[in-house]
C-alpha cells in the first residue's frame, strides 16, 4: 500500500542509525556503523580497544575470560600477559565517568555492567 514503510525503509531523522545499535546504560555501541558513544560523547578507540569493547558488549553481564580475550583480540601466543590488562585499563578510562563499568572477576576475567 502506498505510503507504508516496507522492509527496506530507513529512518529519516538525522543521527538515527539505519542498523541495530546496542545501548547499555549511557553507552551506545554501533558496531556496524563503527561508532561508540557515552552520553553522546564519541569514543575514539584503537582497534584492540574496539575489539575488547565489542567482546564485552556481546556478552554484557557475563564474565569473559582473560585467556579468551587474549587469543581473540591479540591472536598471538607471544603477547605479553599484561596486554589485556593494559587494554582494559585504557578502555575503562575512556568509558568513565558516565559509561558502564568493566568489572574484574578475580581469577576468571572481565564483565561489562551497565550503569
N, C-alpha and C. Protein backbone atom coordinates (compact mmCIF):
# COMPACT_ATOMS: atom_id res chain seq x y z
N UNK A 1 0.84 -1.16 0.00
CA UNK A 1 0.00 0.00 0.00
C UNK A 1 0.89 1.23 0.00
N UNK A 2 0.54 2.23 -0.77
CA UNK A 2 1.35 3.44 -0.88
C UNK A 2 1.43 4.17 0.44
N UNK A 3 2.62 4.70 0.75
CA UNK A 3 2.82 5.47 1.97
C UNK A 3 3.23 4.63 3.17
N UNK A 4 3.15 3.31 3.09
CA UNK A 4 3.57 2.47 4.20
C UNK A 4 5.05 2.15 4.08
N UNK A 5 5.65 1.98 5.21
CA UNK A 5 7.07 1.62 5.21
C UNK A 5 7.22 0.14 4.88
N UNK A 6 8.09 -0.15 3.96
CA UNK A 6 8.39 -1.54 3.63
C UNK A 6 9.54 -2.03 4.47
N UNK A 7 9.96 -3.25 4.22
CA UNK A 7 11.06 -3.83 4.99
C UNK A 7 12.36 -3.06 4.79
N UNK A 8 12.53 -2.44 3.64
CA UNK A 8 13.77 -1.73 3.35
C UNK A 8 13.78 -0.29 3.83
N UNK A 9 12.74 0.14 4.53
CA UNK A 9 12.66 1.53 4.98
C UNK A 9 13.79 1.87 5.93
N UNK A 10 14.29 3.07 5.82
CA UNK A 10 15.37 3.57 6.67
C UNK A 10 14.84 4.73 7.50
N UNK A 11 15.36 4.91 8.71
CA UNK A 11 14.95 6.07 9.49
C UNK A 11 15.33 7.35 8.76
N UNK A 12 14.48 8.36 8.82
CA UNK A 12 14.73 9.61 8.12
C UNK A 12 15.40 10.65 9.01
N UNK A 13 15.27 10.52 10.31
CA UNK A 13 15.85 11.52 11.20
C UNK A 13 17.37 11.43 11.18
N UNK A 14 18.01 12.56 11.23
CA UNK A 14 19.47 12.61 11.27
C UNK A 14 19.96 12.08 12.60
N UNK A 15 21.04 11.32 12.59
CA UNK A 15 21.61 10.81 13.82
C UNK A 15 21.04 9.48 14.27
N UNK A 16 20.04 8.97 13.60
CA UNK A 16 19.46 7.67 13.95
C UNK A 16 20.13 6.61 13.09
N UNK A 17 20.76 5.63 13.70
CA UNK A 17 21.44 4.62 12.89
C UNK A 17 20.45 3.81 12.06
N UNK A 18 20.84 3.45 10.86
CA UNK A 18 19.99 2.66 9.98
C UNK A 18 20.10 1.18 10.32
N UNK A 19 20.94 0.82 11.24
CA UNK A 19 21.13 -0.56 11.64
C UNK A 19 21.03 -0.64 13.15
N UNK A 20 21.06 -1.83 13.66
CA UNK A 20 20.89 -2.01 15.10
C UNK A 20 22.12 -1.55 15.87
N UNK A 21 21.86 -0.82 16.94
CA UNK A 21 22.90 -0.41 17.86
C UNK A 21 22.52 -0.95 19.23
N UNK A 22 23.50 -1.21 20.05
CA UNK A 22 23.26 -1.73 21.39
C UNK A 22 23.41 -0.56 22.36
N UNK A 23 22.46 -0.45 23.28
CA UNK A 23 22.53 0.59 24.31
C UNK A 23 22.65 -0.11 25.65
N UNK A 24 23.71 0.23 26.38
CA UNK A 24 23.94 -0.31 27.72
C UNK A 24 24.14 0.90 28.62
N UNK A 25 23.11 1.24 29.35
CA UNK A 25 23.16 2.44 30.17
C UNK A 25 23.37 3.64 29.28
N UNK A 26 24.43 4.39 29.49
CA UNK A 26 24.72 5.59 28.69
C UNK A 26 25.61 5.29 27.48
N UNK A 27 25.95 4.02 27.26
CA UNK A 27 26.80 3.63 26.14
C UNK A 27 25.93 3.25 24.94
N UNK A 28 26.23 3.86 23.81
CA UNK A 28 25.65 3.47 22.53
C UNK A 28 26.77 2.81 21.75
N UNK A 29 26.59 1.53 21.40
CA UNK A 29 27.62 0.80 20.67
C UNK A 29 27.02 0.35 19.34
N UNK A 30 27.53 0.92 18.27
CA UNK A 30 27.04 0.65 16.93
C UNK A 30 28.17 0.01 16.14
N UNK A 31 28.25 -1.30 16.22
CA UNK A 31 29.37 -1.99 15.59
C UNK A 31 29.34 -1.84 14.08
N UNK A 32 28.18 -2.01 13.47
CA UNK A 32 28.09 -1.90 12.02
C UNK A 32 28.45 -0.50 11.54
N UNK A 33 28.07 0.51 12.31
CA UNK A 33 28.37 1.89 11.95
C UNK A 33 29.74 2.35 12.40
N UNK A 34 30.43 1.50 13.19
CA UNK A 34 31.78 1.81 13.63
C UNK A 34 31.87 2.96 14.61
N UNK A 35 30.86 3.06 15.51
CA UNK A 35 30.94 4.14 16.48
C UNK A 35 30.48 3.68 17.86
N UNK A 36 31.05 4.34 18.85
CA UNK A 36 30.67 4.11 20.24
C UNK A 36 30.61 5.47 20.91
N UNK A 37 29.56 5.68 21.70
CA UNK A 37 29.38 6.95 22.38
C UNK A 37 28.97 6.71 23.82
N UNK A 38 29.40 7.61 24.70
CA UNK A 38 28.94 7.63 26.09
C UNK A 38 28.33 9.00 26.31
N UNK A 39 27.04 9.01 26.65
CA UNK A 39 26.31 10.29 26.85
C UNK A 39 26.50 11.23 25.66
N UNK A 40 26.51 10.68 24.45
CA UNK A 40 26.66 11.49 23.25
C UNK A 40 28.10 11.86 22.92
N UNK A 41 29.03 11.53 23.80
CA UNK A 41 30.46 11.81 23.59
C UNK A 41 31.07 10.66 22.80
N UNK A 42 31.59 10.97 21.63
CA UNK A 42 32.19 9.95 20.76
C UNK A 42 33.46 9.38 21.40
N UNK A 43 33.58 8.06 21.40
CA UNK A 43 34.79 7.41 21.91
C UNK A 43 35.70 7.10 20.73
N UNK A 44 36.94 7.51 20.85
CA UNK A 44 37.93 7.18 19.82
C UNK A 44 38.72 5.98 20.33
N UNK A 45 38.47 4.85 19.71
CA UNK A 45 39.05 3.60 20.19
C UNK A 45 39.97 2.99 19.14
N UNK A 46 41.21 2.71 19.52
CA UNK A 46 42.08 1.94 18.63
C UNK A 46 41.49 0.55 18.41
N UNK A 47 42.01 -0.13 17.43
CA UNK A 47 41.50 -1.44 17.01
C UNK A 47 41.32 -2.43 18.17
N UNK A 48 42.30 -2.55 19.03
CA UNK A 48 42.21 -3.55 20.11
C UNK A 48 41.21 -3.15 21.18
N UNK A 49 41.13 -1.86 21.50
CA UNK A 49 40.12 -1.42 22.47
C UNK A 49 38.72 -1.61 21.89
N UNK A 50 38.57 -1.37 20.59
CA UNK A 50 37.28 -1.60 19.92
C UNK A 50 36.91 -3.08 20.00
N UNK A 51 37.87 -3.95 19.72
CA UNK A 51 37.62 -5.39 19.78
C UNK A 51 37.26 -5.83 21.19
N UNK A 52 37.95 -5.30 22.18
CA UNK A 52 37.65 -5.62 23.58
C UNK A 52 36.23 -5.19 23.92
N UNK A 53 35.87 -3.95 23.59
CA UNK A 53 34.52 -3.47 23.89
C UNK A 53 33.48 -4.30 23.16
N UNK A 54 33.75 -4.66 21.93
CA UNK A 54 32.82 -5.48 21.15
C UNK A 54 32.58 -6.83 21.83
N UNK A 55 33.64 -7.47 22.30
CA UNK A 55 33.51 -8.75 23.00
C UNK A 55 32.69 -8.60 24.28
N UNK A 56 32.95 -7.55 25.03
CA UNK A 56 32.25 -7.35 26.30
C UNK A 56 30.78 -6.97 26.08
N UNK A 57 30.52 -6.15 25.08
CA UNK A 57 29.13 -5.76 24.76
C UNK A 57 28.33 -6.98 24.33
N UNK A 58 28.93 -7.85 23.53
CA UNK A 58 28.24 -9.06 23.05
C UNK A 58 27.89 -10.00 24.19
N UNK A 59 28.59 -9.86 25.32
CA UNK A 59 28.37 -10.77 26.46
C UNK A 59 28.11 -9.97 27.73
N UNK A 60 27.38 -8.85 27.60
CA UNK A 60 27.14 -7.97 28.74
C UNK A 60 26.53 -8.77 29.90
N UNK A 61 27.06 -8.54 31.10
CA UNK A 61 26.59 -9.25 32.28
C UNK A 61 27.21 -10.63 32.47
N UNK A 62 28.06 -11.05 31.53
CA UNK A 62 28.72 -12.35 31.61
C UNK A 62 30.23 -12.14 31.74
N UNK A 63 30.86 -13.05 32.42
CA UNK A 63 32.31 -12.99 32.56
C UNK A 63 32.95 -13.52 31.28
N UNK A 64 33.90 -12.76 30.75
CA UNK A 64 34.68 -13.18 29.58
C UNK A 64 36.10 -13.41 30.08
N UNK A 65 36.62 -14.60 29.86
CA UNK A 65 37.93 -14.95 30.40
C UNK A 65 39.05 -14.14 29.75
N UNK A 66 40.07 -13.90 30.55
CA UNK A 66 41.26 -13.18 30.07
C UNK A 66 41.93 -13.97 28.94
N UNK A 67 41.96 -15.30 29.07
CA UNK A 67 42.57 -16.13 28.02
C UNK A 67 41.82 -15.98 26.70
N UNK A 68 40.49 -15.95 26.77
CA UNK A 68 39.69 -15.81 25.55
C UNK A 68 39.95 -14.45 24.91
N UNK A 69 39.97 -13.41 25.73
CA UNK A 69 40.25 -12.07 25.19
C UNK A 69 41.64 -12.00 24.57
N UNK A 70 42.61 -12.60 25.24
CA UNK A 70 43.98 -12.60 24.72
C UNK A 70 44.04 -13.27 23.36
N UNK A 71 43.42 -14.44 23.25
CA UNK A 71 43.50 -15.17 21.97
C UNK A 71 42.69 -14.52 20.87
N UNK A 72 41.54 -13.90 21.19
CA UNK A 72 40.69 -13.33 20.15
C UNK A 72 41.07 -11.90 19.77
N UNK A 73 41.63 -11.16 20.70
CA UNK A 73 41.98 -9.77 20.39
C UNK A 73 43.40 -9.66 19.87
N UNK A 74 44.32 -10.37 20.51
CA UNK A 74 45.73 -10.25 20.13
C UNK A 74 46.16 -11.35 19.18
N UNK A 75 45.56 -12.53 19.29
CA UNK A 75 45.78 -13.65 18.36
C UNK A 75 47.25 -14.00 18.15
N UNK A 76 48.07 -13.74 19.17
CA UNK A 76 49.48 -14.12 19.09
C UNK A 76 49.89 -14.68 20.44
N UNK A 77 50.41 -15.90 20.46
CA UNK A 77 50.77 -16.52 21.73
C UNK A 77 51.92 -15.82 22.46
N UNK A 78 52.76 -15.09 21.74
CA UNK A 78 53.92 -14.47 22.36
C UNK A 78 53.59 -13.11 23.00
N UNK A 79 52.33 -12.72 22.96
CA UNK A 79 51.94 -11.41 23.51
C UNK A 79 52.14 -11.39 25.03
N UNK A 80 52.52 -10.26 25.55
CA UNK A 80 52.73 -10.09 26.98
C UNK A 80 51.42 -10.38 27.73
N UNK A 81 51.48 -11.15 28.81
CA UNK A 81 50.26 -11.50 29.55
C UNK A 81 49.50 -10.29 30.09
N UNK A 82 50.20 -9.17 30.28
CA UNK A 82 49.55 -7.98 30.81
C UNK A 82 48.90 -7.12 29.73
N UNK A 83 49.00 -7.51 28.48
CA UNK A 83 48.47 -6.69 27.39
C UNK A 83 46.96 -6.49 27.52
N UNK A 84 46.23 -7.52 27.90
CA UNK A 84 44.78 -7.39 28.07
C UNK A 84 44.48 -6.43 29.22
N UNK A 85 45.23 -6.54 30.30
CA UNK A 85 45.03 -5.66 31.46
C UNK A 85 45.24 -4.20 31.06
N UNK A 86 46.26 -3.92 30.27
CA UNK A 86 46.54 -2.56 29.81
C UNK A 86 45.39 -2.07 28.94
N UNK A 87 44.92 -2.92 28.04
CA UNK A 87 43.82 -2.56 27.15
C UNK A 87 42.54 -2.29 27.95
N UNK A 88 42.26 -3.11 28.94
CA UNK A 88 41.08 -2.92 29.80
C UNK A 88 41.20 -1.61 30.56
N UNK A 89 42.37 -1.33 31.09
CA UNK A 89 42.59 -0.09 31.84
C UNK A 89 42.34 1.14 30.97
N UNK A 90 42.84 1.13 29.76
CA UNK A 90 42.64 2.26 28.84
C UNK A 90 41.17 2.42 28.48
N UNK A 91 40.50 1.31 28.23
CA UNK A 91 39.09 1.37 27.89
C UNK A 91 38.25 1.86 29.07
N UNK A 92 38.57 1.42 30.27
CA UNK A 92 37.87 1.90 31.46
C UNK A 92 37.94 3.42 31.56
N UNK A 93 39.13 3.98 31.35
CA UNK A 93 39.31 5.44 31.44
C UNK A 93 38.45 6.16 30.41
N UNK A 94 38.32 5.59 29.23
CA UNK A 94 37.54 6.24 28.18
C UNK A 94 36.03 6.15 28.44
N UNK A 95 35.60 5.11 29.12
CA UNK A 95 34.17 4.96 29.43
C UNK A 95 33.74 5.84 30.60
N UNK A 96 34.68 6.21 31.45
CA UNK A 96 34.33 6.98 32.65
C UNK A 96 34.23 8.46 32.35
N UNK A 97 33.48 9.20 33.13
CA UNK A 97 32.82 8.82 34.37
C UNK A 97 31.39 8.33 34.18
N UNK A 98 30.84 8.43 32.96
CA UNK A 98 29.41 8.18 32.77
C UNK A 98 29.07 6.84 32.15
N UNK A 99 30.05 6.11 31.67
CA UNK A 99 29.77 4.87 30.96
C UNK A 99 29.63 3.67 31.86
N UNK A 100 29.37 2.52 31.27
CA UNK A 100 29.27 1.29 32.05
C UNK A 100 30.62 0.90 32.63
N UNK A 101 30.59 0.08 33.64
CA UNK A 101 31.81 -0.37 34.31
C UNK A 101 32.30 -1.69 33.74
N UNK A 102 33.61 -1.83 33.70
CA UNK A 102 34.21 -3.13 33.38
C UNK A 102 34.72 -3.67 34.71
N UNK A 103 34.11 -4.74 35.16
CA UNK A 103 34.47 -5.35 36.44
C UNK A 103 35.50 -6.44 36.21
N UNK A 104 36.45 -6.51 37.12
CA UNK A 104 37.40 -7.61 37.13
C UNK A 104 36.83 -8.68 38.04
N UNK A 105 36.68 -9.88 37.52
CA UNK A 105 36.25 -11.02 38.32
C UNK A 105 37.50 -11.85 38.55
N UNK A 106 38.09 -11.64 39.72
CA UNK A 106 39.40 -12.21 40.03
C UNK A 106 39.45 -13.71 39.72
N UNK A 107 40.47 -14.08 38.97
CA UNK A 107 40.68 -15.48 38.62
C UNK A 107 39.82 -15.97 37.46
N UNK A 108 38.93 -15.11 36.94
CA UNK A 108 38.04 -15.55 35.86
C UNK A 108 38.11 -14.68 34.61
N UNK A 109 38.08 -13.35 34.78
CA UNK A 109 38.13 -12.47 33.61
C UNK A 109 37.47 -11.15 33.88
N UNK A 110 36.74 -10.64 32.88
CA UNK A 110 36.14 -9.31 32.95
C UNK A 110 34.68 -9.38 32.56
N UNK A 111 33.92 -8.41 33.09
CA UNK A 111 32.49 -8.36 32.81
C UNK A 111 32.06 -6.90 32.65
N UNK A 112 31.27 -6.62 31.62
CA UNK A 112 30.72 -5.29 31.41
C UNK A 112 29.36 -5.21 32.09
N UNK A 113 29.19 -4.18 32.91
CA UNK A 113 27.92 -3.97 33.62
C UNK A 113 27.42 -2.57 33.33
N UNK A 114 26.15 -2.48 32.98
CA UNK A 114 25.55 -1.19 32.68
C UNK A 114 25.53 -0.28 33.89
N UNK A 115 25.45 1.02 33.63
CA UNK A 115 25.43 1.99 34.72
C UNK A 115 24.02 2.40 35.05
